[in-house]
């Protein structure tokens, strides 16, 4: 990934309870990640889930954003895939094999590209709306039907975007625009929550800052891999889940 130039981070005004109501001097930091204007640091603790009205998932559902949140330590690919399966089955969609849209760098074993582990498509959200026909269409920014209104959770909920409070539009991917691995930006292949590591993030609402602000899978890097670092960047440790057809 290209190196970002360093610019000032947001100056945030904190009130009791951790609610951050004001900001000034906001611009991308050295990782291109300070694109949030308002944040509530208590809104997305590790392991928390979305609240609010939910809709029954369509049996066609084969894509969703995880409703729960956390850090960059997902228990590796196996842990992330199990998370997708658990959430889908809790929403009433059973009998499908699920995979998280995550790339890994690999160490003693070869790395894995997210695009190679999610099946062939087509994919539909929890309301039965088609997201993409195939892998090529999914990675075609002009063709993919992903935005704030279609990139729903398994519960049928809209995930907060850049204009909402708190901003949670950063989704963990560890991937380049074409779905291949971003070297050295995968939170230790999804096994660490240390802030010495980073993750490549996408913008589900196709808006914000970074090198590729309109990219759903490769907008910029995080400030770290802890739950708090992901919140401060503009996310909450959510992942994309796909049914392998």
Protein backbone atom coordinates (compact mmCIF):
# COMPACT_ATOMS: atom_id res chain seq x y z
CA UNK A 1 0.00 0.00 0.00
CA UNK A 2 1.22 3.49 -0.80
CA UNK A 3 2.72 5.51 2.06
CA UNK A 4 0.57 8.34 3.42
CA UNK A 5 1.84 11.76 4.33
CA UNK A 6 1.48 12.85 7.94
CA UNK A 7 -1.14 15.49 8.77
CA UNK A 8 -2.69 16.52 12.09
CA UNK A 9 -5.14 14.25 13.82
CA UNK A 10 -8.53 15.43 15.08
CA UNK A 11 -8.69 17.56 18.21
CA UNK A 12 -11.63 16.05 20.10
CA UNK A 13 -13.62 17.58 22.95
CA UNK A 14 -14.52 14.91 25.50
CA UNK A 15 -17.41 15.06 27.95
CA UNK A 16 -18.35 12.71 30.79
CA UNK A 17 -19.14 9.15 29.80
CA UNK A 18 -16.74 9.18 26.86
CA UNK A 19 -19.08 10.98 24.41
CA UNK A 20 -17.07 13.07 21.99
CA UNK A 21 -19.25 15.91 20.78
CA UNK A 22 -16.89 18.20 18.98
CA UNK A 23 -13.88 18.12 16.72
CA UNK A 24 -11.60 20.53 14.97
CA UNK A 25 -8.53 20.28 12.79
CA UNK A 26 -9.73 16.94 11.42
CA UNK A 27 -7.83 15.50 8.48
CA UNK A 28 -6.16 12.26 7.52
CA UNK A 29 -3.31 11.22 9.77
CA UNK A 30 -0.18 9.34 8.75
CA UNK A 31 -2.32 6.32 7.93
CA UNK A 32 -5.07 8.28 6.22
CA UNK A 33 -7.53 7.27 8.91
CA UNK A 34 -8.81 10.28 10.84
CA UNK A 35 -11.86 10.82 8.63
CA UNK A 36 -14.31 10.81 11.52
CA UNK A 37 -15.81 13.99 12.93
CA UNK A 38 -17.69 12.65 15.96
CA UNK A 39 -17.19 9.48 17.97
CA UNK A 40 -18.66 7.79 21.05
CA UNK A 41 -15.94 5.65 22.57
CA UNK A 42 -18.50 3.73 24.65
CA UNK A 43 -20.69 2.81 21.67
CA UNK A 44 -18.85 -0.23 20.38
CA UNK A 45 -17.05 -2.18 23.12
CA UNK A 46 -15.29 -5.38 22.19
CA UNK A 47 -17.88 -8.04 21.43
CA UNK A 48 -20.87 -5.66 21.48
CA UNK A 49 -23.71 -6.00 18.98
CA UNK A 50 -26.02 -3.60 17.16
CA UNK A 51 -29.24 -2.64 18.88
CA UNK A 52 -32.54 -1.53 17.36
CA UNK A 53 -35.14 -2.80 14.94
CA UNK A 54 -34.22 -5.94 13.01
CA UNK A 55 -35.78 -7.60 9.98
CA UNK A 56 -35.99 -11.35 9.35
CA UNK A 57 -33.20 -12.36 6.99
CA UNK A 58 -34.16 -13.45 3.50
CA UNK A 59 -33.35 -17.12 2.84
CA UNK A 60 -31.45 -15.74 -0.18
CA UNK A 61 -29.00 -13.91 2.10
CA UNK A 62 -25.43 -14.67 1.08
CA UNK A 63 -23.73 -11.44 2.14
CA UNK A 64 -23.78 -9.27 5.25
CA UNK A 65 -21.73 -7.05 7.53
CA UNK A 66 -21.32 -8.51 11.00
CA UNK A 67 -23.65 -6.94 13.53
CA UNK A 68 -21.18 -7.55 16.33
CA UNK A 69 -17.97 -5.61 16.83
CA UNK A 70 -14.54 -6.07 18.35
CA UNK A 71 -10.81 -5.89 17.70
CA UNK A 72 -8.50 -7.09 14.93
CA UNK A 73 -7.91 -10.35 16.81
CA UNK A 74 -10.55 -12.52 15.16
CA UNK A 75 -8.99 -15.86 15.99
CA UNK A 76 -7.49 -16.06 12.50
CA UNK A 77 -9.52 -16.95 9.43
CA UNK A 78 -11.12 -19.92 11.19
CA UNK A 79 -12.39 -17.69 13.99
CA UNK A 80 -13.71 -15.09 11.55
CA UNK A 81 -15.49 -17.73 9.45
CA UNK A 82 -17.08 -19.21 12.59
CA UNK A 83 -18.25 -15.73 13.55
CA UNK A 84 -19.97 -15.34 10.16
CA UNK A 85 -21.63 -18.75 10.51
CA UNK A 86 -22.85 -18.04 14.04
CA UNK A 87 -24.38 -14.69 13.05
CA UNK A 88 -26.04 -16.07 9.91
CA UNK A 89 -27.57 -19.00 11.76
CA UNK A 90 -28.79 -16.74 14.56
CA UNK A 91 -30.56 -14.72 11.84
CA UNK A 92 -32.27 -17.90 10.63
CA UNK A 93 -30.15 -18.66 7.56
CA UNK A 94 -28.81 -22.19 7.98
CA UNK A 95 -27.22 -24.81 5.74
CA UNK A 96 -24.74 -22.46 4.05
CA UNK A 97 -20.97 -22.33 4.28
CA UNK A 98 -19.75 -18.86 5.25
CA UNK A 99 -16.40 -17.16 4.80
CA UNK A 100 -15.16 -13.80 6.03
CA UNK A 101 -13.86 -11.41 3.39
CA UNK A 102 -10.32 -11.29 4.78
CA UNK A 103 -6.87 -11.70 3.29
CA UNK A 104 -3.84 -13.03 5.15
CA UNK A 105 -0.16 -12.45 4.58
CA UNK A 106 0.91 -15.91 5.67
CA UNK A 107 4.12 -16.93 7.34
CA UNK A 108 5.29 -20.50 7.16
CA UNK A 109 2.16 -21.13 5.09
CA UNK A 110 1.12 -19.24 1.93
CA UNK A 111 -1.02 -16.15 2.28
CA UNK A 112 -4.68 -16.09 1.27
CA UNK A 113 -6.54 -13.58 -0.88
CA UNK A 114 -10.03 -12.61 0.24
CA UNK A 115 -11.37 -12.84 -3.32
CA UNK A 116 -10.35 -16.52 -3.50
CA UNK A 117 -12.25 -17.68 -0.42
CA UNK A 118 -15.80 -16.34 -0.90
CA UNK A 119 -17.11 -18.52 -3.73
CA UNK A 120 -18.30 -17.51 -7.18
CA UNK A 121 -21.50 -15.57 -6.43
CA UNK A 122 -24.04 -14.18 -6.96
CA UNK A 123 -24.49 -12.61 -3.52
CA UNK A 124 -27.57 -11.07 -1.93
CA UNK A 125 -27.99 -9.02 1.23
CA UNK A 126 -30.38 -9.81 4.10
CA UNK A 127 -33.27 -8.18 2.22
CA UNK A 128 -32.67 -10.27 -0.90
CA UNK A 129 -31.09 -7.40 -2.87
CA UNK A 130 -28.29 -8.48 -5.21
CA UNK A 131 -24.84 -7.13 -4.34
CA UNK A 132 -22.84 -8.62 -7.20
CA UNK A 133 -23.08 -11.40 -9.78
CA UNK A 134 -19.54 -12.72 -9.45
CA UNK A 135 -16.04 -12.02 -8.16
CA UNK A 136 -15.20 -9.72 -11.07
CA UNK A 137 -18.36 -7.67 -10.53
CA UNK A 138 -17.76 -7.49 -6.79
CA UNK A 139 -14.39 -5.85 -7.40
CA UNK A 140 -15.64 -3.49 -10.11
CA UNK A 141 -16.30 -0.23 -8.26
CA UNK A 142 -18.69 0.96 -10.97
CA UNK A 143 -20.72 -2.26 -11.01
CA UNK A 144 -20.90 -3.52 -7.42
CA UNK A 145 -24.13 -2.65 -5.60
CA UNK A 146 -22.56 -1.86 -2.26
CA UNK A 147 -23.38 1.32 -0.36
CA UNK A 148 -24.75 2.37 3.02
CA UNK A 149 -28.29 1.26 2.13
CA UNK A 150 -27.38 -2.16 0.73
CA UNK A 151 -24.40 -3.21 2.89
CA UNK A 152 -26.66 -4.40 5.72
CA UNK A 153 -26.01 -6.59 8.73
CA UNK A 154 -27.47 -10.09 8.96
CA UNK A 155 -30.26 -8.47 10.99
CA UNK A 156 -31.20 -6.16 8.14
CA UNK A 157 -29.74 -3.13 9.89
CA UNK A 158 -28.00 -0.18 8.26
CA UNK A 159 -24.49 0.28 9.68
CA UNK A 160 -23.51 3.82 10.66
CA UNK A 161 -21.65 5.69 7.95
CA UNK A 162 -19.32 8.66 7.95
CA UNK A 163 -22.17 11.15 8.50
CA UNK A 164 -23.52 9.28 11.54
CA UNK A 165 -22.60 9.23 15.23
CA UNK A 166 -20.61 7.17 15.93
CA UNK A 167 -18.98 6.65 12.54
CA UNK A 168 -18.48 2.90 11.97
CA UNK A 169 -17.92 2.71 8.22
CA UNK A 170 -14.45 1.08 8.38
CA UNK A 171 -14.69 -2.68 7.74
CA UNK A 172 -11.73 -5.03 8.25
CA UNK A 173 -10.42 -6.64 5.03
CA UNK A 174 -6.60 -6.69 4.84
CA UNK A 175 -7.05 -6.42 1.08
CA UNK A 176 -6.16 -4.39 -1.98
CA UNK A 177 -8.77 -3.07 -4.43
CA UNK A 178 -8.68 -6.35 -6.38
CA UNK A 179 -9.18 -8.48 -3.28
CA UNK A 180 -5.59 -9.63 -2.92
CA UNK A 181 -3.67 -9.37 0.34
CA UNK A 182 -2.24 -6.07 1.58
CA UNK A 183 1.16 -7.02 2.92
CA UNK A 184 1.82 -6.19 6.58
CA UNK A 185 -1.68 -4.79 7.19
CA UNK A 186 -3.75 -7.74 8.41
CA UNK A 187 -3.54 -7.44 12.22
CA UNK A 188 -1.02 -10.28 12.31
CA UNK A 189 -3.30 -12.34 10.06
CA UNK A 190 -6.20 -11.54 12.40
CA UNK A 191 -4.53 -12.87 15.54
CA UNK A 192 -3.53 -9.67 17.37
CA UNK A 193 -5.18 -6.63 18.89
CA UNK A 194 -1.86 -4.81 19.35
CA UNK A 195 -1.61 -1.23 18.15
CA UNK A 196 1.82 -1.92 16.71
CA UNK A 197 -0.04 -3.69 13.90
CA UNK A 198 -2.59 -2.30 11.41
CA UNK A 199 -5.37 -3.52 9.14
CA UNK A 200 -6.50 -2.41 5.73
CA UNK A 201 -10.09 -1.19 5.90
CA UNK A 202 -12.89 -0.60 3.42
CA UNK A 203 -15.72 1.96 3.53
CA UNK A 204 -19.10 0.23 3.37
CA UNK A 205 -20.76 3.61 2.68
CA UNK A 206 -18.27 4.42 -0.11
CA UNK A 207 -17.38 7.77 1.51
CA UNK A 208 -14.59 9.26 3.59
CA UNK A 209 -10.85 9.82 3.48
CA UNK A 210 -7.80 7.78 2.60
CA UNK A 211 -6.18 6.70 -0.63
CA UNK A 212 -9.37 5.12 -2.01
CA UNK A 213 -12.24 6.77 -0.09
CA UNK A 214 -14.99 5.23 -2.25
CA UNK A 215 -13.64 1.69 -1.95
CA UNK A 216 -15.72 -0.81 0.01
CA UNK A 217 -12.68 -3.04 0.58
CA UNK A 218 -9.46 -0.99 0.47
CA UNK A 219 -9.80 2.64 1.57
CA UNK A 220 -6.92 3.04 4.05
CA UNK A 221 -5.15 1.49 7.04
CA UNK A 222 -6.22 1.55 10.68
CA UNK A 223 -4.38 3.28 13.52
CA UNK A 224 -3.91 -0.08 15.22
CA UNK A 225 -5.68 -3.36 15.88
CA UNK A 226 -7.21 -2.79 19.32
CA UNK A 227 -10.94 -2.20 19.58
CA UNK A 228 -10.27 1.38 20.68
CA UNK A 229 -7.89 2.07 17.78
CA UNK A 230 -10.45 0.78 15.30
CA UNK A 231 -13.13 3.02 16.86
CA UNK A 232 -10.84 6.05 16.70
CA UNK A 233 -10.09 5.32 13.06
CA UNK A 234 -13.78 5.31 12.18
CA UNK A 235 -14.94 1.72 12.57
CA UNK A 236 -15.80 -0.95 15.12
CA UNK A 237 -14.05 -4.15 14.08
CA UNK A 238 -16.83 -5.37 11.79
CA UNK A 239 -16.23 -7.83 8.95
CA UNK A 240 -17.88 -8.72 5.64
CA UNK A 241 -19.35 -12.23 5.43
CA UNK A 242 -20.08 -14.15 2.21
CA UNK A 243 -21.80 -17.46 1.59
CA UNK A 244 -19.58 -19.76 -0.43
CA UNK A 245 -21.85 -21.02 -3.25
